[in-house]
C-alpha atoms as a PDB file:
ATOM      1  CA  UNK A   1      -3.056   7.417  -4.559  1.00  0.00           C
ATOM      2  CA  UNK A   2      -4.933   6.557  -1.458  1.00  0.00           C
ATOM      3  CA  UNK A   3      -3.582   9.337   0.908  1.00  0.00           C
ATOM      4  CA  UNK A   4      -6.683  11.446   0.081  1.00  0.00           C
ATOM      5  CA  UNK A   5      -8.830   8.526   1.316  1.00  0.00           C
ATOM      6  CA  UNK A   6      -6.724   8.306   4.496  1.00  0.00           C
ATOM      7  CA  UNK A   7      -7.370  12.054   5.030  1.00  0.00           C
ATOM      8  CA  UNK A   8     -11.143  11.525   4.737  1.00  0.00           C
ATOM      9  CA  UNK A   9     -11.273   8.786   7.336  1.00  0.00           C
ATOM     10  CA  UNK A  10     -10.337  10.851  10.308  1.00  0.00           C
ATOM     11  CA  UNK A  11      -7.571  12.357  12.276  1.00  0.00           C
ATOM     12  CA  UNK A  12      -4.121  12.212  10.526  1.00  0.00           C
ATOM     13  CA  UNK A  13      -1.570   9.709  11.668  1.00  0.00           C
ATOM     14  CA  UNK A  14       1.875  11.228  12.324  1.00  0.00           C
ATOM     15  CA  UNK A  15       4.432  10.217   9.898  1.00  0.00           C
ATOM     16  CA  UNK A  16       8.077  10.832   9.126  1.00  0.00           C
ATOM     17  CA  UNK A  17      10.153  12.870  11.682  1.00  0.00           C
ATOM     18  CA  UNK A  18       7.506  13.216  14.421  1.00  0.00           C
ATOM     19  CA  UNK A  19       6.974   9.347  14.339  1.00  0.00           C
ATOM     20  CA  UNK A  20      10.782   8.612  14.345  1.00  0.00           C
ATOM     21  CA  UNK A  21      11.182  11.059  17.286  1.00  0.00           C
ATOM     22  CA  UNK A  22       8.397   9.535  19.245  1.00  0.00           C
ATOM     23  CA  UNK A  23       9.923   6.102  18.713  1.00  0.00           C
ATOM     24  CA  UNK A  24      13.477   7.299  19.746  1.00  0.00           C
ATOM     25  CA  UNK A  25      12.072   8.799  22.869  1.00  0.00           C
ATOM     26  CA  UNK A  26      10.101   5.571  23.817  1.00  0.00           C
ATOM     27  CA  UNK A  27       6.753   7.123  23.442  1.00  0.00           C
ATOM     28  CA  UNK A  28       5.931   4.840  20.543  1.00  0.00           C
ATOM     29  CA  UNK A  29       6.435   1.212  21.524  1.00  0.00           C
ATOM     30  CA  UNK A  30       5.213  -0.416  18.265  1.00  0.00           C
ATOM     31  CA  UNK A  31       6.317   0.745  14.853  1.00  0.00           C
ATOM     32  CA  UNK A  32       4.320  -0.945  12.112  1.00  0.00           C
ATOM     33  CA  UNK A  33       5.564  -0.075   8.541  1.00  0.00           C
ATOM     34  CA  UNK A  34       3.579  -0.717   5.487  1.00  0.00           C
ATOM     35  CA  UNK A  35       5.233  -1.122   2.262  1.00  0.00           C
ATOM     36  CA  UNK A  36       7.919   1.501   2.564  1.00  0.00           C
ATOM     37  CA  UNK A  37      11.603   1.254   2.863  1.00  0.00           C
ATOM     38  CA  UNK A  38      12.315   4.093   5.315  1.00  0.00           C
ATOM     39  CA  UNK A  39      16.010   3.991   4.246  1.00  0.00           C
ATOM     40  CA  UNK A  40      14.918   4.791   0.743  1.00  0.00           C
ATOM     41  CA  UNK A  41      13.236   8.076   1.711  1.00  0.00           C
ATOM     42  CA  UNK A  42      13.968  11.572   2.501  1.00  0.00           C
ATOM     43  CA  UNK A  43      14.565  10.641   6.219  1.00  0.00           C
ATOM     44  CA  UNK A  44      18.077  10.424   7.414  1.00  0.00           C
ATOM     45  CA  UNK A  45      19.512   6.872   7.718  1.00  0.00           C
ATOM     46  CA  UNK A  46      20.722   7.700  11.291  1.00  0.00           C
ATOM     47  CA  UNK A  47      17.216   8.678  12.300  1.00  0.00           C
ATOM     48  CA  UNK A  48      15.609   5.590  10.769  1.00  0.00           C
ATOM     49  CA  UNK A  49      18.258   3.381  12.460  1.00  0.00           C
ATOM     50  CA  UNK A  50      17.627   5.078  15.884  1.00  0.00           C
ATOM     51  CA  UNK A  51      13.816   4.760  15.550  1.00  0.00           C
ATOM     52  CA  UNK A  52      13.982   1.054  14.524  1.00  0.00           C
ATOM     53  CA  UNK A  53      16.248   0.381  17.546  1.00  0.00           C
ATOM     54  CA  UNK A  54      14.086   2.442  19.817  1.00  0.00           C
ATOM     55  CA  UNK A  55      10.813   0.639  19.209  1.00  0.00           C
ATOM     56  CA  UNK A  56      10.063  -2.472  21.425  1.00  0.00           C
ATOM     57  CA  UNK A  57       8.611  -4.085  18.319  1.00  0.00           C
ATOM     58  CA  UNK A  58       9.054  -3.322  14.584  1.00  0.00           C
ATOM     59  CA  UNK A  59       6.568  -4.906  12.187  1.00  0.00           C
ATOM     60  CA  UNK A  60       7.196  -4.595   8.412  1.00  0.00           C
ATOM     61  CA  UNK A  61       4.324  -5.541   6.107  1.00  0.00           C
ATOM     62  CA  UNK A  62       5.091  -5.257   2.472  1.00  0.00           C
ATOM     63  CA  UNK A  63       5.607  -6.972  -0.921  1.00  0.00           C
ATOM     64  CA  UNK A  64       9.446  -6.768  -1.130  1.00  0.00           C
ATOM     65  CA  UNK A  65      12.241  -7.229   1.333  1.00  0.00           C
ATOM     66  CA  UNK A  66      14.401  -4.160   1.859  1.00  0.00           C
ATOM     67  CA  UNK A  67      16.605  -2.503   4.376  1.00  0.00           C
ATOM     68  CA  UNK A  68      13.667  -1.547   6.617  1.00  0.00           C
ATOM     69  CA  UNK A  69      12.279  -5.051   6.586  1.00  0.00           C
ATOM     70  CA  UNK A  70      15.659  -6.358   7.543  1.00  0.00           C
ATOM     71  CA  UNK A  71      15.533  -4.376  10.748  1.00  0.00           C
ATOM     72  CA  UNK A  72      11.997  -5.574  11.845  1.00  0.00           C
ATOM     73  CA  UNK A  73      11.273  -8.400  14.336  1.00  0.00           C
ATOM     74  CA  UNK A  74       8.200  -9.497  12.351  1.00  0.00           C
ATOM     75  CA  UNK A  75       7.896  -9.373   8.557  1.00  0.00           C
ATOM     76  CA  UNK A  76       4.391  -9.988   7.011  1.00  0.00           C
ATOM     77  CA  UNK A  77       4.107 -10.561   3.314  1.00  0.00           C
ATOM     78  CA  UNK A  78       1.583  -8.396   1.536  1.00  0.00           C
ATOM     79  CA  UNK A  79      -0.217  -9.208  -1.692  1.00  0.00           C
ATOM     80  CA  UNK A  80       0.949  -6.922  -4.411  1.00  0.00           C
ATOM     81  CA  UNK A  81      -1.663  -4.619  -6.178  1.00  0.00           C
ATOM     82  CA  UNK A  82      -2.213  -7.074  -8.938  1.00  0.00           C
ATOM     83  CA  UNK A  83      -2.947  -9.909  -6.290  1.00  0.00           C
ATOM     84  CA  UNK A  84      -5.703  -8.191  -4.548  1.00  0.00           C
ATOM     85  CA  UNK A  85      -8.991  -6.312  -4.984  1.00  0.00           C
ATOM     86  CA  UNK A  86     -10.260  -3.222  -3.115  1.00  0.00           C
ATOM     87  CA  UNK A  87     -10.632   0.544  -3.589  1.00  0.00           C
ATOM     88  CA  UNK A  88      -8.463   3.646  -3.492  1.00  0.00           C
ATOM     89  CA  UNK A  89      -9.477   7.309  -3.270  1.00  0.00           C
ATOM     90  CA  UNK A  90      -7.532   9.480  -5.698  1.00  0.00           C
ATOM     91  CA  UNK A  91      -6.408  12.982  -5.044  1.00  0.00           C
ATOM     92  CA  UNK A  92      -9.647  14.388  -6.290  1.00  0.00           C
ATOM     93  CA  UNK A  93     -11.598  12.273  -3.743  1.00  0.00           C
ATOM     94  CA  UNK A  94     -12.832   9.815  -6.381  1.00  0.00           C
ATOM     95  CA  UNK A  95     -13.222   6.314  -4.952  1.00  0.00           C
ATOM     96  CA  UNK A  96     -12.354   3.605  -7.447  1.00  0.00           C
ATOM     97  CA  UNK A  97     -12.372  -0.175  -7.459  1.00  0.00           C
ATOM     98  CA  UNK A  98      -9.398  -2.245  -8.544  1.00  0.00           C
ATOM     99  CA  UNK A  99      -9.550  -6.000  -9.215  1.00  0.00           C
ATOM    100  CA  UNK A 100      -7.350  -9.109  -8.840  1.00  0.00           C
ATOM    101  CA  UNK A 101      -5.392 -10.101 -11.796  1.00  0.00           C
ATOM    102  CA  UNK A 102      -3.398 -13.049 -10.358  1.00  0.00           C
ATOM    103  CA  UNK A 103      -3.520 -15.063  -7.199  1.00  0.00           C
ATOM    104  CA  UNK A 104      -1.187 -14.054  -4.313  1.00  0.00           C
ATOM    105  CA  UNK A 105       2.193 -15.904  -4.017  1.00  0.00           C
ATOM    106  CA  UNK A 106       2.883 -17.927  -0.892  1.00  0.00           C
ATOM    107  CA  UNK A 107       1.293 -16.673   2.229  1.00  0.00           C
ATOM    108  CA  UNK A 108       0.823 -13.091   1.101  1.00  0.00           C
ATOM    109  CA  UNK A 109      -2.544 -11.529   1.673  1.00  0.00           C
ATOM    110  CA  UNK A 110      -4.142  -8.102   1.326  1.00  0.00           C
ATOM    111  CA  UNK A 111      -3.288  -5.656   4.180  1.00  0.00           C
ATOM    112  CA  UNK A 112      -6.859  -5.516   5.256  1.00  0.00           C
ATOM    113  CA  UNK A 113      -6.826  -9.327   5.760  1.00  0.00           C
ATOM    114  CA  UNK A 114      -3.830  -9.143   7.948  1.00  0.00           C
ATOM    115  CA  UNK A 115      -5.319  -6.261   9.893  1.00  0.00           C
ATOM    116  CA  UNK A 116      -8.707  -7.974  10.193  1.00  0.00           C
ATOM    117  CA  UNK A 117      -6.919 -11.104  11.711  1.00  0.00           C
ATOM    118  CA  UNK A 118      -5.187  -8.846  14.268  1.00  0.00           C
ATOM    119  CA  UNK A 119      -8.391  -7.026  15.150  1.00  0.00           C
ATOM    120  CA  UNK A 120     -10.166 -10.283  15.875  1.00  0.00           C
ATOM    121  CA  UNK A 121      -7.171 -11.670  17.863  1.00  0.00           C
ATOM    122  CA  UNK A 122      -7.348  -8.573  20.085  1.00  0.00           C
ATOM    123  CA  UNK A 123     -11.126  -9.078  20.449  1.00  0.00           C
ATOM    124  CA  UNK A 124     -12.361  -6.363  18.092  1.00  0.00           C
ATOM    125  CA  UNK A 125     -15.950  -6.415  16.946  1.00  0.00           C
ATOM    126  CA  UNK A 126     -15.919  -4.149  14.046  1.00  0.00           C
ATOM    127  CA  UNK A 127     -17.609  -6.078  11.116  1.00  0.00           C
ATOM    128  CA  UNK A 128     -14.509  -5.444   8.938  1.00  0.00           C
ATOM    129  CA  UNK A 129     -12.478  -7.686  11.187  1.00  0.00           C
ATOM    130  CA  UNK A 130     -14.624 -10.554  10.131  1.00  0.00           C
ATOM    131  CA  UNK A 131     -14.572  -9.725   6.435  1.00  0.00           C
ATOM    132  CA  UNK A 132     -13.622 -12.339   3.927  1.00  0.00           C
ATOM    133  CA  UNK A 133     -14.022  -9.979   0.814  1.00  0.00           C
ATOM    134  CA  UNK A 134     -12.920  -6.435   0.132  1.00  0.00           C
ATOM    135  CA  UNK A 135     -16.526  -5.585  -0.427  1.00  0.00           C
ATOM    136  CA  UNK A 136     -17.306  -6.174   3.219  1.00  0.00           C
ATOM    137  CA  UNK A 137     -14.495  -4.003   4.384  1.00  0.00           C
ATOM    138  CA  UNK A 138     -15.873  -1.212   2.113  1.00  0.00           C
ATOM    139  CA  UNK A 139     -19.335  -1.650   3.407  1.00  0.00           C
ATOM    140  CA  UNK A 140     -18.124  -1.212   6.926  1.00  0.00           C
ATOM    141  CA  UNK A 141     -16.184   1.912   5.937  1.00  0.00           C
ATOM    142  CA  UNK A 142     -19.127   3.495   4.149  1.00  0.00           C
ATOM    143  CA  UNK A 143     -21.205   2.753   7.151  1.00  0.00           C
ATOM    144  CA  UNK A 144     -18.908   4.508   9.577  1.00  0.00           C
ATOM    145  CA  UNK A 145     -17.130   7.329   7.641  1.00  0.00           C
ATOM    146  CA  UNK A 146     -19.320  10.270   6.579  1.00  0.00           C
ATOM    147  CA  UNK A 147     -17.177  11.043   3.487  1.00  0.00           C
ATOM    148  CA  UNK A 148     -18.247   7.462   2.089  1.00  0.00           C
ATOM    149  CA  UNK A 149     -21.729   7.252   3.368  1.00  0.00           C
ATOM    150  CA  UNK A 150     -24.236   6.002   0.835  1.00  0.00           C
ATOM    151  CA  UNK A 151     -21.602   4.427  -1.385  1.00  0.00           C
ATOM    152  CA  UNK A 152     -21.701   0.714  -2.199  1.00  0.00           C
ATOM    153  CA  UNK A 153     -18.892  -1.332  -3.519  1.00  0.00           C
ATOM    154  CA  UNK A 154     -20.822  -2.376  -6.567  1.00  0.00           C
ATOM    155  CA  UNK A 155     -22.085   1.099  -7.071  1.00  0.00           C
ATOM    156  CA  UNK A 156     -18.559   2.332  -7.729  1.00  0.00           C
ATOM    157  CA  UNK A 157     -18.660   0.463 -10.976  1.00  0.00           C
ATOM    158  CA  UNK A 158     -15.753   1.303 -13.254  1.00  0.00           C
ATOM    159  CA  UNK A 159     -15.899   5.039 -13.069  1.00  0.00           C
ATOM    160  CA  UNK A 160     -16.171   5.398  -9.251  1.00  0.00           C
ATOM    161  CA  UNK A 161     -17.770   8.008  -7.143  1.00  0.00           C
ATOM    162  CA  UNK A 162     -16.535  11.192  -5.519  1.00  0.00           C
ATOM    163  CA  UNK A 163     -16.366  11.104  -1.628  1.00  0.00           C
ATOM    164  CA  UNK A 164     -17.996  13.934   0.327  1.00  0.00           C
ATOM    165  CA  UNK A 165     -15.434  16.505   1.525  1.00  0.00           C
END
């Protein structure tokens, strides 16, 4: 549901065959995979295997172990959707909130928390890297991305708001 939101945030990130080809050719050194088992997709198993073997580092971040995570050098546990809060942007561009139902298991955390830790470790200064709540991440997003400007986390309420195209 959040692919429309990704489109609104800026230039598209290559995925699928172009990414796998870039990894096989050594142009992509780090392959960071969020949630998806690449072996359980329309991609050929041979292409996925070659890409995982061609990257210097493969990171898998997700809620469940799978064939892709088995090929990663680093596996980071993600909180499941019921274990986190945040926003998503549906196919119509409507930004909606979702809320935590249960606490995350073990060391799992929301993906934005993991990325924030990485950003801080690399010396990043974006306010989202220091966020301790999803609301702070959204405030950073709405302050930087024109499609979300003027929106507030609390202003989304239950019905959400439509992003600017």
